[in-house]
């Protein structure tokens, strides 16, 4: 980060004044991108970025301490905001509600980036109807050990399933290792139905590509496959939208692509600098997405035909919790990913004969949502270790409690 603050810079965007505080702050040291560079990037790709976020309530994922530190998630719009920043109030099953920011134009886009938002995280609904999503989100999340070619193969099968059920899929890189596919839908179904349709799509992709893809919810059961993450369609979930800059050292971008481009590209090719060039030359590859609105009727009919997904067995202790079918042990719960991974290395040093027996997908690293930020859990699946050689559950290498000081006192 820059050692001293640079003077604020005022941008005039479509007749609105947006102040960029500390514009010279270096956000991405590796490519040398400043806060002002990021604002200018979003303004340059605003046509595409707004196609993904305009009119949608947005969770503010703020990296106020830079990409080396965890972001914090801010659902509620800041009290101090321009009068032209729109908001919408979302209500959740828990009884909570949140007045969230709604971006409509390039000026609002610049304003949220100034708050430290690198990627944009809109809900799949528009303010006109907050209870009925207008897009189905397919998140192809690769397990460790899965290469890009396998992810692309699964994406092509997902496209086939969408087409067979009357929907048009629009792919983009996730900005990390995976692929997102969005399909615009009529806003006729509630969140539960949309999630069911997404789960059904995942089950059908798994049926057509056994071993390559999975819709299994429990991570330890997936193996080296691509998980079709249907839960990204739940009401409280958001996904980094098109042209979002992700918090990786190379300033990678979640980039819409043509279907013919997927097989011959790599996600690391798409960074702030290369996407600026691409967008200037070619425009938005997803420019037609709003003209391909489809129906969920066929996917929901398939859901009825398939019946409920198989549920894992429940424990016998009366808690109703599920029992894993895999021999799992927990290694660490940590505030940051590096702390968790350090704990994993300490555990490996204690069990040198076990480590060579583990497959990449046997080490489960989970980013867990806390009250306002992520924390990290690491577990190890001992399925490939002979039963007599499996280590027992030991005290955690890192034992962080994300809820410490935040629980209500017992009545």
Protein backbone atom coordinates (compact mmCIF):
# COMPACT_ATOMS: atom_id res chain seq x y z
CA UNK A 1 0.00 0.00 0.00
CA UNK A 2 1.14 3.58 -0.52
CA UNK A 3 2.87 4.92 2.60
CA UNK A 4 1.11 8.30 2.44
CA UNK A 5 -2.28 9.34 1.20
CA UNK A 6 -2.53 11.20 -2.09
CA UNK A 7 -4.92 14.14 -2.44
CA UNK A 8 -8.48 13.27 -3.43
CA UNK A 9 -9.41 13.54 -7.09
CA UNK A 10 -12.85 14.57 -8.33
CA UNK A 11 -14.29 12.89 -11.42
CA UNK A 12 -17.26 14.27 -13.32
CA UNK A 13 -19.25 11.36 -14.70
CA UNK A 14 -22.42 11.98 -16.68
CA UNK A 15 -23.05 15.20 -14.80
CA UNK A 16 -22.35 13.75 -11.38
CA UNK A 17 -19.42 14.49 -9.12
CA UNK A 18 -17.59 11.51 -7.64
CA UNK A 19 -14.71 12.05 -5.25
CA UNK A 20 -11.96 9.43 -5.33
CA UNK A 21 -10.15 9.40 -2.00
CA UNK A 22 -6.46 8.52 -1.94
CA UNK A 23 -6.41 7.84 -5.71
CA UNK A 24 -2.71 6.97 -5.74
CA UNK A 25 -3.03 4.10 -3.27
CA UNK A 26 -1.47 1.00 -4.83
CA UNK A 27 -4.04 -1.79 -4.69
CA UNK A 28 -2.27 -4.36 -6.88
CA UNK A 29 1.49 -4.07 -6.37
CA UNK A 30 2.45 -6.71 -8.97
CA UNK A 31 0.97 -4.87 -12.00
CA UNK A 32 1.23 -1.51 -10.23
CA UNK A 33 -2.48 -0.66 -10.30
CA UNK A 34 -3.75 2.17 -8.13
CA UNK A 35 -7.20 2.88 -6.82
CA UNK A 36 -7.72 5.46 -9.56
CA UNK A 37 -6.61 2.93 -12.18
CA UNK A 38 -9.36 0.59 -10.97
CA UNK A 39 -11.98 3.32 -11.12
CA UNK A 40 -10.92 4.16 -14.67
CA UNK A 41 -10.98 0.49 -15.61
CA UNK A 42 -14.60 0.15 -14.46
CA UNK A 43 -15.56 3.32 -16.30
CA UNK A 44 -13.98 1.94 -19.49
CA UNK A 45 -15.93 -1.34 -19.26
CA UNK A 46 -19.06 0.22 -17.73
CA UNK A 47 -21.31 -0.92 -20.57
CA UNK A 48 -20.53 -4.56 -19.79
CA UNK A 49 -20.23 -4.21 -16.01
CA UNK A 50 -23.58 -2.44 -15.74
CA UNK A 51 -25.23 -5.16 -17.78
CA UNK A 52 -24.46 -7.47 -14.86
CA UNK A 53 -25.30 -5.18 -11.94
CA UNK A 54 -27.67 -2.41 -13.01
CA UNK A 55 -30.84 -2.29 -10.95
CA UNK A 56 -29.71 -5.09 -8.62
CA UNK A 57 -29.13 -4.78 -4.85
CA UNK A 58 -25.45 -5.33 -4.13
CA UNK A 59 -23.42 -6.59 -1.18
CA UNK A 60 -20.38 -4.34 -0.75
CA UNK A 61 -17.28 -6.52 -0.50
CA UNK A 62 -14.72 -4.00 0.71
CA UNK A 63 -10.95 -4.49 0.63
CA UNK A 64 -10.09 -1.46 2.72
CA UNK A 65 -6.73 -2.94 3.79
CA UNK A 66 -5.68 -4.18 0.36
CA UNK A 67 -5.80 -7.56 -1.34
CA UNK A 68 -3.44 -9.14 1.21
CA UNK A 69 -6.13 -8.82 3.91
CA UNK A 70 -9.58 -10.38 4.02
CA UNK A 71 -12.43 -8.25 2.74
CA UNK A 72 -15.40 -7.45 4.93
CA UNK A 73 -18.94 -7.80 3.65
CA UNK A 74 -21.23 -4.83 4.10
CA UNK A 75 -24.85 -5.48 3.29
CA UNK A 76 -26.22 -2.18 4.52
CA UNK A 77 -25.61 0.93 2.45
CA UNK A 78 -23.33 3.50 4.14
CA UNK A 79 -25.25 6.23 5.91
CA UNK A 80 -22.99 8.81 4.31
CA UNK A 81 -23.67 8.57 0.60
CA UNK A 82 -24.67 10.88 -2.27
CA UNK A 83 -28.37 11.53 -2.55
CA UNK A 84 -28.35 10.00 -6.02
CA UNK A 85 -27.23 6.56 -4.78
CA UNK A 86 -30.27 4.29 -4.91
CA UNK A 87 -31.01 1.58 -2.33
CA UNK A 88 -33.41 -1.33 -1.96
CA UNK A 89 -34.39 -3.24 1.19
CA UNK A 90 -34.08 -7.03 1.12
CA UNK A 91 -35.88 -9.19 3.69
CA UNK A 92 -34.52 -12.59 4.72
CA UNK A 93 -36.09 -15.71 6.23
CA UNK A 94 -34.21 -15.01 9.47
CA UNK A 95 -36.33 -11.90 9.94
CA UNK A 96 -33.39 -9.60 9.23
CA UNK A 97 -33.43 -6.99 6.53
CA UNK A 98 -30.78 -4.89 4.81
CA UNK A 99 -30.98 -1.67 2.84
CA UNK A 100 -28.47 -2.38 0.08
CA UNK A 101 -26.84 -0.22 -2.57
CA UNK A 102 -28.26 -0.39 -6.10
CA UNK A 103 -25.96 0.70 -8.93
CA UNK A 104 -27.67 2.19 -11.97
CA UNK A 105 -24.98 4.08 -13.83
CA UNK A 106 -21.24 4.66 -14.27
CA UNK A 107 -21.11 7.29 -11.52
CA UNK A 108 -22.52 4.86 -8.95
CA UNK A 109 -20.08 2.24 -10.23
CA UNK A 110 -17.16 4.59 -9.55
CA UNK A 111 -18.57 5.43 -6.13
CA UNK A 112 -18.66 1.78 -4.93
CA UNK A 113 -15.16 1.14 -6.28
CA UNK A 114 -13.96 4.13 -4.26
CA UNK A 115 -15.29 2.36 -1.15
CA UNK A 116 -12.76 -0.43 -1.75
CA UNK A 117 -15.00 -2.79 -3.72
CA UNK A 118 -12.77 -4.66 -6.17
CA UNK A 119 -15.38 -7.12 -7.38
CA UNK A 120 -19.11 -6.47 -7.74
CA UNK A 121 -21.53 -8.78 -5.94
CA UNK A 122 -25.14 -8.23 -7.01
CA UNK A 123 -28.14 -10.36 -6.11
CA UNK A 124 -29.94 -12.20 -8.97
CA UNK A 125 -33.00 -9.95 -8.64
CA UNK A 126 -33.89 -6.45 -9.74
CA UNK A 127 -35.41 -3.80 -7.52
CA UNK A 128 -38.72 -4.03 -9.40
CA UNK A 129 -39.24 -7.55 -7.99
CA UNK A 130 -37.00 -8.60 -5.11
CA UNK A 131 -38.66 -11.99 -4.59
CA UNK A 132 -38.31 -13.48 -8.07
CA UNK A 133 -34.83 -13.86 -9.64
CA UNK A 134 -34.41 -13.05 -13.29
CA UNK A 135 -31.27 -15.13 -13.81
CA UNK A 136 -30.13 -18.67 -13.13
CA UNK A 137 -26.49 -18.85 -12.05
CA UNK A 138 -24.35 -21.91 -12.80
CA UNK A 139 -21.08 -21.84 -10.84
CA UNK A 140 -18.62 -24.51 -11.97
CA UNK A 141 -16.24 -24.87 -9.04
CA UNK A 142 -13.28 -27.24 -9.63
CA UNK A 143 -11.94 -29.40 -6.84
CA UNK A 144 -8.14 -29.54 -6.32
CA UNK A 145 -6.44 -31.60 -9.01
CA UNK A 146 -8.93 -30.61 -11.73
CA UNK A 147 -7.43 -28.97 -14.82
CA UNK A 148 -8.91 -26.28 -17.08
CA UNK A 149 -9.76 -28.75 -19.87
CA UNK A 150 -12.07 -30.68 -17.54
CA UNK A 151 -13.79 -27.47 -16.41
CA UNK A 152 -14.38 -26.51 -20.05
CA UNK A 153 -15.76 -29.98 -20.84
CA UNK A 154 -18.23 -29.66 -17.96
CA UNK A 155 -19.19 -26.15 -19.11
CA UNK A 156 -20.02 -27.51 -22.56
CA UNK A 157 -22.23 -30.19 -21.03
CA UNK A 158 -23.95 -27.57 -18.84
CA UNK A 159 -24.60 -25.54 -21.97
CA UNK A 160 -26.12 -28.61 -23.59
CA UNK A 161 -28.40 -29.22 -20.61
CA UNK A 162 -29.51 -25.58 -20.58
CA UNK A 163 -30.25 -25.67 -24.31
CA UNK A 164 -32.18 -28.92 -24.01
CA UNK A 165 -34.36 -27.26 -21.36
CA UNK A 166 -35.09 -24.03 -23.23
CA UNK A 167 -32.40 -21.77 -21.76
CA UNK A 168 -29.45 -19.88 -23.24
CA UNK A 169 -26.20 -19.95 -21.29
CA UNK A 170 -23.68 -17.12 -21.29
CA UNK A 171 -20.22 -18.13 -19.99
CA UNK A 172 -17.57 -16.10 -18.22
CA UNK A 173 -14.43 -16.90 -16.32
CA UNK A 174 -14.96 -16.70 -12.58
CA UNK A 175 -11.79 -14.67 -12.20
CA UNK A 176 -10.21 -17.53 -10.26
CA UNK A 177 -10.14 -21.18 -11.45
CA UNK A 178 -13.75 -21.79 -12.42
CA UNK A 179 -16.41 -20.83 -14.96
CA UNK A 180 -19.74 -19.11 -14.41
CA UNK A 181 -22.68 -19.55 -16.77
CA UNK A 182 -25.67 -17.21 -16.50
CA UNK A 183 -29.07 -17.72 -18.08
CA UNK A 184 -31.69 -15.00 -18.03
CA UNK A 185 -35.11 -16.24 -16.89
CA UNK A 186 -38.58 -14.82 -16.54
CA UNK A 187 -39.09 -13.46 -12.99
CA UNK A 188 -41.90 -15.93 -12.26
CA UNK A 189 -40.25 -18.31 -9.77
CA UNK A 190 -39.17 -17.70 -6.19
CA UNK A 191 -35.70 -18.39 -4.81
CA UNK A 192 -36.58 -21.89 -3.64
CA UNK A 193 -37.76 -22.88 -7.11
CA UNK A 194 -34.77 -21.30 -8.84
CA UNK A 195 -32.38 -23.11 -6.50
CA UNK A 196 -34.22 -26.38 -7.19
CA UNK A 197 -33.89 -25.77 -10.95
CA UNK A 198 -30.15 -25.14 -10.52
CA UNK A 199 -29.73 -28.29 -8.41
CA UNK A 200 -31.61 -30.28 -11.04
CA UNK A 201 -29.35 -28.91 -13.74
CA UNK A 202 -26.34 -29.98 -11.68
CA UNK A 203 -27.72 -33.49 -11.23
CA UNK A 204 -28.34 -33.78 -14.96
CA UNK A 205 -24.83 -32.54 -15.76
CA UNK A 206 -23.47 -35.16 -13.35
CA UNK A 207 -25.58 -37.86 -15.00
CA UNK A 208 -24.23 -36.95 -18.43
CA UNK A 209 -20.63 -36.56 -17.24
CA UNK A 210 -20.07 -39.05 -14.40
CA UNK A 211 -16.66 -38.61 -12.84
CA UNK A 212 -16.14 -35.22 -14.48
CA UNK A 213 -18.91 -33.28 -12.72
CA UNK A 214 -20.81 -33.58 -9.48
CA UNK A 215 -23.80 -32.02 -7.78
CA UNK A 216 -22.94 -33.59 -4.42
CA UNK A 217 -23.29 -30.95 -1.72
CA UNK A 218 -20.77 -32.46 0.72
CA UNK A 219 -17.29 -31.52 -0.35
CA UNK A 220 -15.55 -34.71 0.79
CA UNK A 221 -17.76 -36.76 -1.53
CA UNK A 222 -16.86 -34.94 -4.75
CA UNK A 223 -13.42 -36.35 -5.58
CA UNK A 224 -11.48 -34.72 -8.43
CA UNK A 225 -14.52 -33.33 -10.19
CA UNK A 226 -16.17 -30.02 -11.04
CA UNK A 227 -18.88 -29.10 -8.56
CA UNK A 228 -22.00 -27.53 -10.08
CA UNK A 229 -22.65 -25.15 -7.18
CA UNK A 230 -26.42 -24.74 -7.24
CA UNK A 231 -26.49 -23.01 -3.85
CA UNK A 232 -25.27 -19.79 -5.45
CA UNK A 233 -28.95 -19.35 -6.32
CA UNK A 234 -30.01 -19.14 -2.67
CA UNK A 235 -31.51 -15.86 -1.52
CA UNK A 236 -28.58 -14.76 0.61
CA UNK A 237 -25.89 -15.56 -1.99
CA UNK A 238 -24.13 -13.27 -4.42
CA UNK A 239 -21.58 -14.01 -7.14
CA UNK A 240 -18.86 -11.78 -8.59
CA UNK A 241 -20.44 -10.34 -11.73
CA UNK A 242 -19.09 -9.76 -15.22
CA UNK A 243 -15.93 -7.62 -15.44
CA UNK A 244 -15.33 -7.86 -11.69
CA UNK A 245 -11.69 -7.53 -10.67
CA UNK A 246 -10.75 -10.37 -8.34
CA UNK A 247 -8.34 -10.06 -5.37
CA UNK A 248 -5.52 -12.06 -6.95
CA UNK A 249 -2.00 -10.60 -7.38
CA UNK A 250 -2.31 -10.37 -11.17
CA UNK A 251 -5.58 -8.35 -11.00
CA UNK A 252 -7.53 -11.07 -12.79
CA UNK A 253 -10.97 -10.27 -14.20
CA UNK A 254 -14.18 -12.30 -14.42
CA UNK A 255 -14.57 -12.05 -18.19
CA UNK A 256 -17.50 -12.90 -20.48
CA UNK A 257 -16.43 -15.08 -23.41
CA UNK A 258 -17.90 -16.62 -26.52
CA UNK A 259 -18.48 -20.37 -26.32
CA UNK A 260 -15.93 -20.85 -29.09
CA UNK A 261 -13.25 -19.15 -26.97
CA UNK A 262 -13.40 -21.28 -23.84
CA UNK A 263 -11.31 -24.23 -24.98
CA UNK A 264 -8.44 -22.11 -26.27
CA UNK A 265 -8.00 -19.68 -23.40
CA UNK A 266 -6.75 -19.67 -19.84
CA UNK A 267 -8.33 -17.65 -17.00
CA UNK A 268 -5.02 -15.98 -16.16
CA UNK A 269 -5.03 -14.35 -19.61
CA UNK A 270 -7.78 -11.97 -18.51
CA UNK A 271 -6.46 -9.18 -16.30
CA UNK A 272 -7.33 -5.51 -15.90
CA UNK A 273 -4.83 -4.51 -18.60
CA UNK A 274 -5.72 -7.21 -21.14
CA UNK A 275 -9.48 -6.86 -20.62
CA UNK A 276 -9.24 -3.11 -21.23
CA UNK A 277 -7.69 -3.88 -24.62
CA UNK A 278 -10.17 -6.66 -25.35
CA UNK A 279 -13.18 -4.53 -24.46
CA UNK A 280 -11.98 -1.60 -26.57
CA UNK A 281 -11.52 -3.90 -29.58
CA UNK A 282 -14.49 -6.25 -29.22
CA UNK A 283 -16.97 -4.85 -26.73
CA UNK A 284 -18.96 -7.10 -24.39
CA UNK A 285 -19.20 -10.76 -25.37
CA UNK A 286 -22.43 -10.97 -23.34
CA UNK A 287 -24.11 -7.97 -24.96
CA UNK A 288 -27.10 -10.07 -26.04
CA UNK A 289 -27.85 -11.70 -22.70
CA UNK A 290 -30.94 -9.61 -21.90
CA UNK A 291 -32.58 -10.70 -25.16
CA UNK A 292 -32.49 -14.42 -24.32
CA UNK A 293 -35.00 -14.70 -21.48
CA UNK A 294 -36.15 -18.27 -20.92
CA UNK A 295 -38.38 -20.43 -18.72
CA UNK A 296 -37.64 -22.84 -15.87
CA UNK A 297 -40.65 -25.03 -16.65
CA UNK A 298 -38.62 -27.83 -18.24
CA UNK A 299 -35.98 -27.97 -15.51
CA UNK A 300 -38.66 -28.02 -12.81
CA UNK A 301 -40.46 -30.80 -14.67
CA UNK A 302 -37.18 -32.73 -14.69
CA UNK A 303 -36.89 -32.12 -10.94
CA UNK A 304 -40.25 -33.85 -10.41
CA UNK A 305 -39.17 -36.70 -12.66
CA UNK A 306 -35.89 -37.24 -10.78
CA UNK A 307 -37.39 -36.89 -7.32
CA UNK A 308 -35.54 -35.50 -4.28
CA UNK A 309 -31.76 -35.67 -4.25
CA UNK A 310 -30.23 -38.34 -2.02
CA UNK A 311 -29.68 -37.09 1.54
CA UNK A 312 -26.77 -38.15 3.76
CA UNK A 313 -27.51 -40.21 6.87
CA UNK A 314 -28.11 -38.38 10.14
CA UNK A 315 -26.13 -38.93 13.31
CA UNK A 316 -27.55 -41.07 16.10
CA UNK A 317 -26.88 -38.51 18.85
CA UNK A 318 -30.32 -36.88 18.53
CA UNK A 319 -29.00 -33.60 17.10
CA UNK A 320 -30.31 -34.26 13.62
CA UNK A 321 -26.92 -33.43 12.12
CA UNK A 322 -25.77 -35.42 9.14
CA UNK A 323 -23.12 -38.11 9.39
CA UNK A 324 -20.34 -37.96 6.83
CA UNK A 325 -19.78 -41.09 4.81
CA UNK A 326 -16.06 -40.27 4.70
CA UNK A 327 -13.35 -40.53 7.40
CA UNK A 328 -12.79 -36.84 8.06
CA UNK A 329 -10.58 -35.11 10.58
CA UNK A 330 -10.42 -31.38 11.17
CA UNK A 331 -7.03 -29.64 11.15
CA UNK A 332 -7.58 -25.93 11.60
CA UNK A 333 -10.03 -23.07 12.02
CA UNK A 334 -8.30 -19.78 11.31
CA UNK A 335 -9.04 -16.12 10.78
CA UNK A 336 -6.94 -16.04 7.60
CA UNK A 337 -6.10 -18.55 4.90
CA UNK A 338 -2.31 -18.34 5.44
CA UNK A 339 -2.79 -19.15 9.14
CA UNK A 340 -4.94 -22.14 8.24
CA UNK A 341 -2.42 -23.40 5.67
CA UNK A 342 0.41 -22.99 8.19
CA UNK A 343 -1.57 -25.22 10.54
CA UNK A 344 -1.95 -27.78 7.77
CA UNK A 345 1.82 -27.83 7.22
CA UNK A 346 2.40 -28.44 10.92
CA UNK A 347 -0.05 -31.35 10.83
CA UNK A 348 1.70 -32.79 7.76
CA UNK A 349 5.06 -32.60 9.54
CA UNK A 350 3.59 -34.72 12.37
CA UNK A 351 2.28 -37.35 9.93
CA UNK A 352 4.91 -37.73 7.17
CA UNK A 353 3.85 -41.28 6.24
CA UNK A 354 0.25 -40.21 5.66
CA UNK A 355 0.91 -37.25 3.36
CA UNK A 356 2.03 -39.28 0.29
CA UNK A 357 -1.22 -41.26 0.43
CA UNK A 358 -3.46 -38.19 0.13
CA UNK A 359 -4.95 -37.12 -3.19
CA UNK A 360 -5.24 -33.37 -3.98
CA UNK A 361 -9.00 -33.43 -3.40
CA UNK A 362 -8.54 -35.04 0.04
CA UNK A 363 -7.39 -31.74 1.55
CA UNK A 364 -10.54 -29.63 2.03
CA UNK A 365 -9.98 -25.90 2.41
CA UNK A 366 -13.24 -24.05 3.06
CA UNK A 367 -13.85 -20.32 3.15
CA UNK A 368 -16.62 -19.97 5.74
CA UNK A 369 -18.84 -16.90 6.00
CA UNK A 370 -18.65 -15.22 9.41
CA UNK A 371 -20.69 -12.27 10.62
CA UNK A 372 -19.02 -9.85 8.19
CA UNK A 373 -15.96 -11.62 6.77
CA UNK A 374 -14.58 -15.02 5.82
CA UNK A 375 -12.75 -17.43 8.09
CA UNK A 376 -11.06 -20.65 7.03
CA UNK A 377 -11.46 -24.30 7.93
CA UNK A 378 -9.20 -27.15 6.83
CA UNK A 379 -10.21 -30.80 6.98
CA UNK A 380 -8.52 -33.92 5.65
CA UNK A 381 -10.36 -36.85 4.10
CA UNK A 382 -8.50 -40.04 4.99
CA UNK A 383 -10.33 -42.23 2.46
CA UNK A 384 -7.09 -43.15 0.66
CA UNK A 385 -5.23 -44.00 3.88
CA UNK A 386 -5.50 -47.62 5.07
CA UNK A 387 -7.79 -47.77 8.06
CA UNK A 388 -5.12 -48.93 10.49
CA UNK A 389 -2.82 -46.03 9.49
CA UNK A 390 -5.33 -43.20 9.82
CA UNK A 391 -4.45 -40.49 12.37
CA UNK A 392 -7.08 -39.79 15.01
CA UNK A 393 -8.72 -36.42 15.53
CA UNK A 394 -6.25 -34.24 17.46
CA UNK A 395 -6.50 -30.76 18.99
CA UNK A 396 -6.76 -28.23 16.18
CA UNK A 397 -3.51 -26.72 14.94
CA UNK A 398 -5.31 -23.37 14.84
CA UNK A 399 -8.49 -22.96 16.88
CA UNK A 400 -10.13 -19.65 15.93
CA UNK A 401 -13.68 -18.90 17.04
CA UNK A 402 -15.29 -16.52 14.51
CA UNK A 403 -18.23 -15.94 16.85
CA UNK A 404 -16.23 -15.04 19.97
CA UNK A 405 -17.72 -11.95 21.58
CA UNK A 406 -20.61 -11.94 19.10
CA UNK A 407 -22.94 -14.49 20.68
CA UNK A 408 -25.88 -13.38 22.72
CA UNK A 409 -25.57 -14.22 26.44
CA UNK A 410 -27.48 -17.33 27.53
CA UNK A 411 -30.89 -16.62 28.97
